[in-house]
Protein backbone atom coordinates (compact mmCIF):
# COMPACT_ATOMS: atom_id res chain seq x y z
CA MET A 1 -280.38 15.52 -84.70
CA ARG A 2 -280.61 12.18 -84.42
CA LEU A 3 -278.14 9.39 -85.39
CA SER A 4 -279.84 8.24 -88.56
CA GLU A 5 -279.75 12.36 -89.63
CA ALA A 6 -276.61 12.35 -88.43
CA VAL A 7 -275.02 10.04 -91.25
CA VAL A 8 -277.36 11.19 -93.80
CA THR A 9 -275.29 15.11 -92.85
CA TYR A 10 -271.81 12.87 -92.83
CA LEU A 11 -272.57 11.01 -96.16
CA ARG A 12 -273.87 13.99 -97.89
CA LEU A 13 -271.04 16.33 -97.02
CA LYS A 14 -267.84 13.97 -96.70
CA GLY A 15 -269.35 11.13 -99.37
CA ASP A 16 -269.19 12.90 -102.33
CA GLY A 17 -266.94 11.02 -104.64
CA LYS A 18 -266.21 8.27 -102.22
CA GLY A 19 -266.64 4.41 -102.66
CA ILE A 20 -269.48 2.74 -101.69
CA THR A 21 -267.34 1.48 -99.21
CA PHE A 22 -267.36 4.34 -97.43
CA HIS A 23 -271.12 4.87 -97.50
CA ARG A 24 -271.63 1.59 -96.50
CA ALA A 25 -268.87 1.69 -93.32
CA ALA A 26 -270.79 4.30 -92.08
CA GLU A 27 -274.35 3.14 -92.35
CA ARG A 28 -273.27 -0.08 -90.68
CA ALA A 29 -271.16 1.05 -88.04
CA CYS A 30 -274.19 3.74 -87.02
CA GLY A 31 -276.65 0.78 -87.69
CA TYR A 32 -275.11 -1.32 -85.28
CA VAL A 33 -275.50 1.86 -82.39
CA ILE A 34 -279.03 2.28 -83.50
CA ASP A 35 -279.73 -1.65 -83.52
CA THR A 36 -278.09 -1.66 -79.93
CA CYS A 37 -279.31 1.63 -78.44
CA GLY A 38 -282.29 3.25 -80.28
CA ASP A 39 -282.10 6.00 -83.02
CA LYS A 40 -281.53 9.09 -80.29
CA PRO A 41 -280.76 12.95 -80.55
CA LEU A 42 -276.83 12.83 -80.51
CA THR A 43 -277.11 14.44 -76.99
CA SER A 44 -279.28 11.87 -75.32
CA TYR A 45 -276.52 8.79 -75.69
CA THR A 46 -275.21 7.95 -72.56
CA LYS A 47 -272.02 6.42 -71.24
CA ALA A 48 -274.45 2.98 -70.49
CA ASP A 49 -275.28 3.24 -74.07
CA ALA A 50 -271.50 3.29 -75.45
CA ASN A 51 -270.89 0.25 -72.98
CA ALA A 52 -273.87 -1.95 -74.18
CA PHE A 53 -273.00 -1.00 -77.64
CA ARG A 54 -269.35 -2.50 -77.13
CA ASP A 55 -270.96 -5.70 -75.48
CA ALA A 56 -272.60 -6.08 -78.30
CA LEU A 57 -269.95 -5.83 -80.70
CA ILE A 58 -268.20 -8.36 -78.52
CA ALA A 59 -270.96 -10.42 -78.53
CA ARG A 60 -271.16 -10.36 -82.48
CA GLY A 61 -267.63 -12.22 -82.23
CA MET A 62 -266.15 -8.96 -83.64
CA ALA A 63 -262.12 -9.24 -82.87
CA GLY A 64 -260.39 -6.51 -81.42
CA SER A 65 -259.56 -4.50 -84.39
CA SER A 66 -262.91 -4.52 -86.00
CA ILE A 67 -264.70 -3.06 -82.79
CA THR A 68 -261.86 -0.25 -83.35
CA TRP A 69 -262.76 0.56 -86.47
CA VAL A 70 -266.47 0.35 -85.84
CA PHE A 71 -266.01 2.73 -82.70
CA GLY A 72 -263.86 5.10 -84.83
CA THR A 73 -266.37 5.28 -87.52
CA VAL A 74 -269.39 6.31 -85.10
CA ARG A 75 -266.96 9.16 -83.52
CA SER A 76 -266.36 10.54 -86.99
CA VAL A 77 -270.10 10.22 -87.74
CA ILE A 78 -271.27 12.41 -84.50
CA ASN A 79 -268.50 14.58 -84.19
CA PHE A 80 -268.89 15.86 -87.88
CA ALA A 81 -272.35 16.03 -87.58
CA GLY A 82 -272.65 18.06 -84.28
CA ASN A 83 -270.08 20.05 -85.48
CA GLU A 84 -271.91 21.01 -88.90
CA GLU A 85 -274.88 21.58 -86.44
CA GLY A 86 -273.42 23.58 -83.78
CA ILE A 87 -274.37 21.18 -81.40
CA GLU A 88 -271.90 21.15 -77.97
CA LEU A 89 -271.73 17.43 -76.97
CA MET A 90 -269.04 15.14 -75.42
CA ASN A 91 -268.80 11.97 -77.57
CA LEU A 92 -269.37 9.22 -75.34
CA PHE A 93 -268.03 6.66 -77.69
CA GLY A 94 -264.55 7.96 -77.64
CA LYS A 95 -263.33 6.32 -74.63
CA VAL A 96 -264.50 3.02 -74.13
CA TYR A 97 -262.38 0.09 -72.83
CA TYR A 98 -262.08 -3.03 -74.39
CA ASP A 99 -259.65 -5.48 -75.33
CA ARG A 100 -258.20 -4.29 -78.55
CA SER A 101 -256.17 -7.64 -79.25
CA ALA A 102 -258.81 -9.70 -78.71
CA GLY A 103 -259.37 -11.83 -81.55
CA VAL A 104 -256.25 -10.51 -83.26
CA SER A 105 -254.03 -13.01 -85.18
CA ASP A 106 -250.55 -11.98 -86.15
CA ARG A 107 -250.85 -12.42 -90.03
CA GLN A 108 -247.94 -14.77 -91.02
CA PRO A 109 -245.89 -14.20 -94.19
CA VAL A 110 -245.60 -16.81 -97.18
CA PRO A 111 -242.49 -18.82 -96.91
CA VAL A 112 -240.18 -18.54 -100.20
CA GLU A 113 -240.28 -22.24 -100.72
CA ALA A 114 -244.19 -21.52 -100.78
CA ILE A 115 -243.95 -18.82 -103.22
CA HIS A 116 -241.98 -20.60 -105.50
CA ALA A 117 -244.63 -23.39 -105.97
CA VAL A 118 -247.50 -20.84 -106.24
CA GLN A 119 -245.61 -19.15 -109.24
CA ALA A 120 -244.73 -22.49 -110.74
CA GLU A 121 -248.74 -23.16 -110.59
CA CYS A 122 -249.26 -19.85 -111.78
CA TYR A 123 -246.91 -20.49 -114.80
CA ARG A 124 -248.83 -23.45 -115.56
CA LEU A 125 -252.36 -22.45 -115.23
CA ASP A 126 -251.72 -19.50 -117.12
CA ASP A 127 -254.96 -17.40 -116.47
CA GLU A 128 -256.24 -14.32 -115.54
CA MET A 129 -256.53 -15.12 -111.84
CA ARG A 130 -253.16 -16.67 -111.74
CA TRP A 131 -251.66 -13.57 -113.54
CA LEU A 132 -252.91 -11.63 -110.37
CA VAL A 133 -251.46 -13.72 -107.71
CA ALA A 134 -248.40 -13.65 -109.65
CA LEU A 135 -248.28 -9.45 -109.99
CA VAL A 136 -249.09 -9.38 -105.93
CA ALA A 137 -246.57 -12.36 -105.19
CA ASP A 138 -243.34 -10.82 -106.37
CA THR A 139 -244.29 -7.27 -105.36
CA GLY A 140 -246.24 -7.29 -102.41
CA MET A 141 -249.14 -4.58 -103.89
CA ARG A 142 -252.35 -4.85 -102.28
CA ILE A 143 -254.99 -6.89 -103.86
CA ALA A 144 -256.65 -4.10 -104.78
CA GLU A 145 -254.09 -1.67 -105.93
CA ALA A 146 -253.18 -5.11 -108.38
CA ALA A 147 -256.97 -5.53 -109.78
CA GLY A 148 -257.75 -1.99 -110.28
CA LEU A 149 -254.55 -1.21 -112.51
CA LEU A 150 -255.52 0.10 -116.01
CA CYS A 151 -253.42 -1.71 -119.16
CA GLU A 152 -251.84 1.55 -119.38
CA ASP A 153 -250.62 1.71 -115.87
CA ILE A 154 -248.39 -1.13 -116.81
CA VAL A 155 -245.67 0.46 -118.96
CA GLN A 156 -242.81 -1.06 -120.80
CA ASP A 157 -239.40 0.80 -121.31
CA ALA A 158 -237.12 0.22 -124.52
CA ASP A 159 -235.44 -2.19 -122.74
CA GLY A 160 -238.40 -4.22 -122.57
CA ASN A 161 -238.94 -3.75 -118.37
CA TYR A 162 -242.23 -3.13 -117.26
CA THR A 163 -243.34 -0.61 -114.27
CA ALA A 164 -246.74 -0.86 -112.74
CA ARG A 165 -247.95 2.62 -111.85
CA ILE A 166 -250.00 2.72 -108.74
CA THR A 167 -252.38 5.95 -108.70
CA LEU A 168 -255.44 6.89 -107.48
CA HIS A 169 -258.73 6.01 -109.93
CA PRO A 170 -262.28 6.57 -109.58
CA TRP A 171 -262.95 3.06 -109.37
CA ARG A 172 -260.31 2.07 -106.69
CA ARG A 173 -259.14 4.42 -103.93
CA LEU A 174 -255.57 4.08 -102.39
CA LYS A 175 -255.36 3.24 -98.81
CA THR A 176 -253.03 6.14 -98.13
CA ALA A 177 -251.72 9.26 -99.93
CA GLY A 178 -248.17 7.57 -100.02
CA SER A 179 -249.43 4.40 -101.60
CA ALA A 180 -249.28 6.07 -104.93
CA ARG A 181 -245.60 4.61 -106.40
CA GLU A 182 -244.24 3.02 -109.15
CA VAL A 183 -243.49 -0.77 -108.72
CA PRO A 184 -240.90 -2.30 -111.05
CA LEU A 185 -242.35 -5.58 -112.39
CA VAL A 186 -239.37 -8.63 -112.67
CA GLY A 187 -239.42 -12.40 -112.30
CA SER A 188 -242.93 -13.66 -112.02
CA VAL A 189 -244.39 -10.22 -112.28
CA ARG A 190 -242.69 -9.48 -115.75
CA TRP A 191 -244.17 -12.95 -117.31
CA ALA A 192 -247.54 -11.77 -115.72
CA ALA A 193 -247.61 -8.04 -116.79
CA GLY A 194 -246.37 -9.52 -120.54
CA ARG A 195 -249.26 -12.26 -120.71
CA LEU A 196 -252.11 -9.44 -119.37
CA LEU A 197 -250.69 -6.94 -122.05
CA GLU A 198 -250.94 -9.72 -124.97
CA ALA A 199 -254.59 -10.67 -123.89
CA GLN A 200 -255.95 -7.46 -124.11
CA ASP A 201 -258.93 -7.31 -125.94
CA GLY A 202 -260.03 -3.57 -126.17
CA THR A 203 -261.23 -3.17 -122.37
CA ALA A 204 -259.22 -0.44 -120.21
CA PHE A 205 -258.75 -2.71 -117.36
CA ALA A 206 -255.96 -5.08 -116.93
CA PHE A 207 -258.61 -7.40 -114.81
CA PRO A 208 -261.90 -6.94 -116.34
CA ARG A 209 -263.51 -9.49 -114.33
CA TYR A 210 -262.75 -7.60 -111.16
CA ASN A 211 -264.23 -4.08 -112.45
CA LYS A 212 -267.83 -4.43 -113.81
CA THR A 213 -269.27 -1.95 -111.91
CA ASP A 214 -268.11 1.52 -110.82
CA THR A 215 -265.75 0.21 -107.85
CA THR A 216 -263.05 -2.45 -108.41
CA ASN A 217 -264.15 -5.60 -106.39
CA ALA A 218 -261.18 -6.49 -104.36
CA ASN A 219 -263.36 -8.50 -101.84
CA ALA A 220 -264.43 -10.98 -104.74
CA ALA A 221 -260.93 -11.25 -105.75
CA SER A 222 -259.44 -11.79 -102.51
CA ALA A 223 -261.81 -14.38 -101.96
CA GLY A 224 -261.58 -16.44 -104.86
CA LEU A 225 -257.69 -16.44 -104.68
CA ASN A 226 -257.48 -17.18 -101.33
CA LYS A 227 -259.55 -20.09 -101.87
CA TRP A 228 -257.43 -21.68 -104.30
CA LEU A 229 -254.35 -20.45 -102.67
CA LYS A 230 -255.03 -22.89 -99.67
CA ALA A 231 -253.55 -25.62 -101.28
CA TYR A 232 -249.85 -24.52 -101.83
CA VAL A 233 -249.23 -22.14 -98.96
CA PRO A 234 -249.62 -23.02 -94.51
CA LYS A 235 -252.31 -23.02 -92.98
CA GLY A 236 -253.23 -19.29 -91.44
CA THR A 237 -251.60 -17.16 -94.63
CA THR A 238 -253.59 -15.24 -97.22
CA MET A 239 -252.65 -13.39 -100.11
CA HIS A 240 -252.17 -10.69 -97.98
CA SER A 241 -249.50 -12.53 -96.43
CA PHE A 242 -247.30 -11.96 -99.76
CA ARG A 243 -246.81 -8.08 -98.19
CA HIS A 244 -245.27 -9.76 -94.92
CA SER A 245 -243.11 -12.30 -97.47
CA MET A 246 -241.92 -8.95 -99.13
CA ARG A 247 -240.89 -7.28 -95.83
CA ASP A 248 -239.29 -10.35 -94.64
CA ARG A 249 -237.46 -10.92 -98.07
CA LEU A 250 -235.99 -7.61 -98.12
CA ARG A 251 -234.70 -8.05 -94.91
CA ALA A 252 -233.13 -11.40 -95.80
CA VAL A 253 -231.03 -9.51 -98.51
CA GLU A 254 -229.77 -6.77 -95.80
CA CYS A 255 -231.76 -4.17 -97.51
CA PRO A 256 -231.52 -1.13 -95.79
CA ALA A 257 -234.33 -0.82 -93.08
CA ASP A 258 -235.87 2.75 -94.22
CA ILE A 259 -236.16 1.15 -98.03
CA VAL A 260 -237.76 -2.21 -95.96
CA ALA A 261 -240.83 0.07 -94.27
CA LYS A 262 -241.00 2.17 -97.13
CA SER A 263 -241.49 -0.86 -100.00
CA ALA A 264 -244.32 -2.64 -97.54
CA VAL A 265 -246.44 0.45 -96.92
CA GLY A 266 -246.34 1.70 -100.23
CA LYS A 267 -244.56 5.10 -100.14
CA PRO A 268 -242.93 7.12 -103.24
CA ARG A 269 -239.81 6.26 -104.78
CA ALA A 270 -239.44 2.93 -102.59
CA SER A 271 -240.69 -0.09 -104.70
CA VAL A 272 -238.06 -2.61 -104.61
CA THR A 273 -238.61 -5.93 -105.88
CA VAL A 274 -236.72 -9.26 -104.88
CA THR A 275 -236.88 -12.76 -106.91
CA GLY A 276 -235.62 -15.67 -105.00
CA LYS A 277 -234.17 -15.82 -101.78
CA ALA A 278 -231.24 -13.36 -101.99
CA THR A 279 -231.04 -11.17 -104.97
CA LEU A 280 -232.12 -7.83 -105.14
């Protein structure tokens, strides 16, 4: 079995029901190997091949974290296909040295004053993109989680309080099993939720512009919003930085450490939202 055939086997058996990004990841990672070392039988790859592959990824300018992701995907494909075919092999892509911290910079949180400035602009512009910014800024949701919401995922109780239900959808997978949760919407997020529901025009999606295909286009959302965000936040911060900000804001009000950790990574029953600088 050659590596290209291993990819086909891997995707045929493990890719059923997975998003297009899962398929592209396997094809891209193993395509890098084939470009560098050739499309060989799985048992024919050598330690020199694995090292040459590493050097090729570094030459592409990949950060250490990206190289780790690519190697992990290649290992998974080879191990899975080899096991399916009953091939005994030593996966030489499993023990390759490289600097995993190379090119990796610490992600900075958005300062609270910058968050307030961003929220003010969201109120002023009052459109779909700014509703998405507000939804992320005061909850720490991932962009994909917010962009893939259905209108029915935003629930209002008898007291007028909103909650967003983050659940698995065919068009938007969750990063981890623990990411399924209910997030209370207060502050700028409450305003955004209300505006979203008011603007509902019959479509099921809260953000239809990012759900025109069978997969939520979180990359388009991230690129567009990050471009707009640059004028209001410090250099080096992005939409994802709001997740780091939420962790810091929870710590600032002496929120228990276990709740801080759970709310930042998205575990059940730990969706705490902070508005302002010192209010839970």
